[in-house]
Protein backbone atom coordinates (compact mmCIF):
# COMPACT_ATOMS: atom_id res chain seq x y z
CA UNK A 1 26.43 12.04 -1.91
CA UNK A 2 28.14 12.47 1.31
CA UNK A 3 25.73 14.26 3.06
CA UNK A 4 28.45 14.97 5.89
CA UNK A 5 29.93 17.50 3.76
CA UNK A 6 26.48 19.35 2.63
CA UNK A 7 26.52 23.03 3.76
CA UNK A 8 22.95 24.62 3.81
CA UNK A 9 23.40 28.28 3.71
CA UNK A 10 21.41 30.22 6.31
CA UNK A 11 21.24 33.74 7.83
CA UNK A 12 23.43 34.81 11.09
CA UNK A 13 25.79 33.03 12.97
CA UNK A 14 24.97 29.64 11.92
CA UNK A 15 25.19 29.78 8.52
CA UNK A 16 27.74 26.64 8.35
CA UNK A 17 25.46 24.65 10.68
CA UNK A 18 22.86 22.10 8.69
CA UNK A 19 19.04 22.55 9.38
CA UNK A 20 17.33 20.56 11.63
CA UNK A 21 15.57 18.21 8.75
CA UNK A 22 19.19 17.44 7.18
CA UNK A 23 20.37 16.65 10.85
CA UNK A 24 17.68 13.97 10.95
CA UNK A 25 18.90 12.27 7.63
CA UNK A 26 22.44 11.92 9.15
CA UNK A 27 23.00 8.67 10.54
CA UNK A 28 25.81 5.81 10.58
CA UNK A 29 25.44 3.22 8.24
CA UNK A 30 24.94 0.73 11.04
CA UNK A 31 22.01 2.35 12.27
CA UNK A 32 20.62 2.36 8.77
CA UNK A 33 21.43 -1.43 8.67
CA UNK A 34 19.62 -2.12 11.55
CA UNK A 35 16.17 -0.10 10.32
CA UNK A 36 16.51 -2.20 7.42
CA UNK A 37 16.54 -5.33 9.39
CA UNK A 38 14.17 -4.52 11.42
CA UNK A 39 11.66 -3.95 8.41
CA UNK A 40 12.12 -7.76 7.34
CA UNK A 41 9.62 -9.50 9.79
CA UNK A 42 6.95 -6.86 7.87
CA UNK A 43 7.96 -7.85 4.58
CA UNK A 44 7.77 -11.79 5.55
CA UNK A 45 4.16 -11.00 6.78
CA UNK A 46 3.38 -9.58 3.45
CA UNK A 47 4.25 -13.02 1.94
CA UNK A 48 0.84 -14.79 2.45
CA UNK A 49 -1.50 -12.01 1.88
CA UNK A 50 -0.21 -11.17 -1.42
CA UNK A 51 -0.30 -14.95 -2.27
CA UNK A 52 -3.92 -14.82 -1.34
CA UNK A 53 -4.63 -11.69 -3.67
CA UNK A 54 -2.52 -13.19 -6.50
CA UNK A 55 -4.03 -16.36 -6.16
CA UNK A 56 -8.04 -15.94 -7.13
CA UNK A 57 -7.04 -13.85 -10.32
CA UNK A 58 -4.82 -16.67 -11.92
CA UNK A 59 -6.88 -19.19 -10.81
CA UNK A 60 -10.25 -17.58 -12.03
CA UNK A 61 -8.55 -16.91 -15.22
CA UNK A 62 -7.56 -20.29 -15.83
CA UNK A 63 -10.76 -21.96 -14.81
CA UNK A 64 -12.93 -19.20 -16.90
CA UNK A 65 -11.42 -20.51 -19.93
CA UNK A 66 -12.77 -24.10 -18.94
CA UNK A 67 -16.25 -22.79 -17.59
CA UNK A 68 -19.42 -22.39 -19.75
CA UNK A 69 -19.55 -18.29 -19.50
CA UNK A 70 -22.55 -18.18 -21.61
CA UNK A 71 -25.54 -15.64 -20.24
CA UNK A 72 -28.31 -16.16 -22.99
CA UNK A 73 -28.07 -17.54 -26.27
CA UNK A 74 -25.65 -14.35 -27.38
CA UNK A 75 -23.75 -13.02 -24.40
CA UNK A 76 -20.63 -14.68 -23.15
CA UNK A 77 -18.75 -13.29 -20.06
CA UNK A 78 -14.63 -12.87 -20.65
CA UNK A 79 -12.75 -15.22 -18.32
CA UNK A 80 -10.45 -11.96 -17.44
CA UNK A 81 -13.75 -10.52 -15.85
CA UNK A 82 -14.57 -13.56 -13.41
CA UNK A 83 -11.62 -11.90 -11.35
CA UNK A 84 -14.16 -8.93 -10.53
CA UNK A 85 -16.55 -11.58 -8.74
CA UNK A 86 -13.76 -11.42 -5.71
CA UNK A 87 -13.79 -7.56 -5.37
CA UNK A 88 -17.71 -7.38 -5.86
CA UNK A 89 -17.86 -10.24 -2.96
CA UNK A 90 -15.61 -8.39 -0.79
CA UNK A 91 -17.48 -4.92 -1.03
CA UNK A 92 -20.77 -6.65 -0.34
CA UNK A 93 -19.68 -8.33 2.52
CA UNK A 94 -17.86 -5.52 3.92
CA UNK A 95 -21.24 -3.77 3.46
CA UNK A 96 -23.14 -6.37 5.26
CA UNK A 97 -20.56 -6.67 7.99
CA UNK A 98 -21.10 -2.92 8.67
CA UNK A 99 -24.86 -2.59 8.36
CA UNK A 100 -25.64 -5.96 10.66
CA UNK A 101 -22.62 -6.87 13.14
CA UNK A 102 -21.30 -3.38 13.83
CA UNK A 103 -24.74 -1.55 14.39
CA UNK A 104 -25.48 -4.48 16.82
CA UNK A 105 -22.40 -4.32 18.47
CA UNK A 106 -22.80 -0.23 18.88
CA UNK A 107 -26.35 -0.80 20.17
CA UNK A 108 -24.98 -3.18 22.78
CA UNK A 109 -22.47 -0.76 24.13
């Protein structure tokens, strides 16, 4: 759809004029290309964290198959549930960080 030929009906003497939100959408293709190119460093910066987040899940499932996952004599932990250990440890560490370190820093200020 060619946005430049879009006419929004309005009251009064500006009836063929585009409203301000439509004017903000109008830009030439070169500006859009520049905006997309400016986003490439952000995309590149997400590669390492994404890899770090995917690694424990695949690693834990593969290791979980070979581990002795028995708890007691009748219960065995499924290998896919071992990935929850990462989330649980992160949540516990955030709570510890917030309670201990943040409170100490606030008390020194």
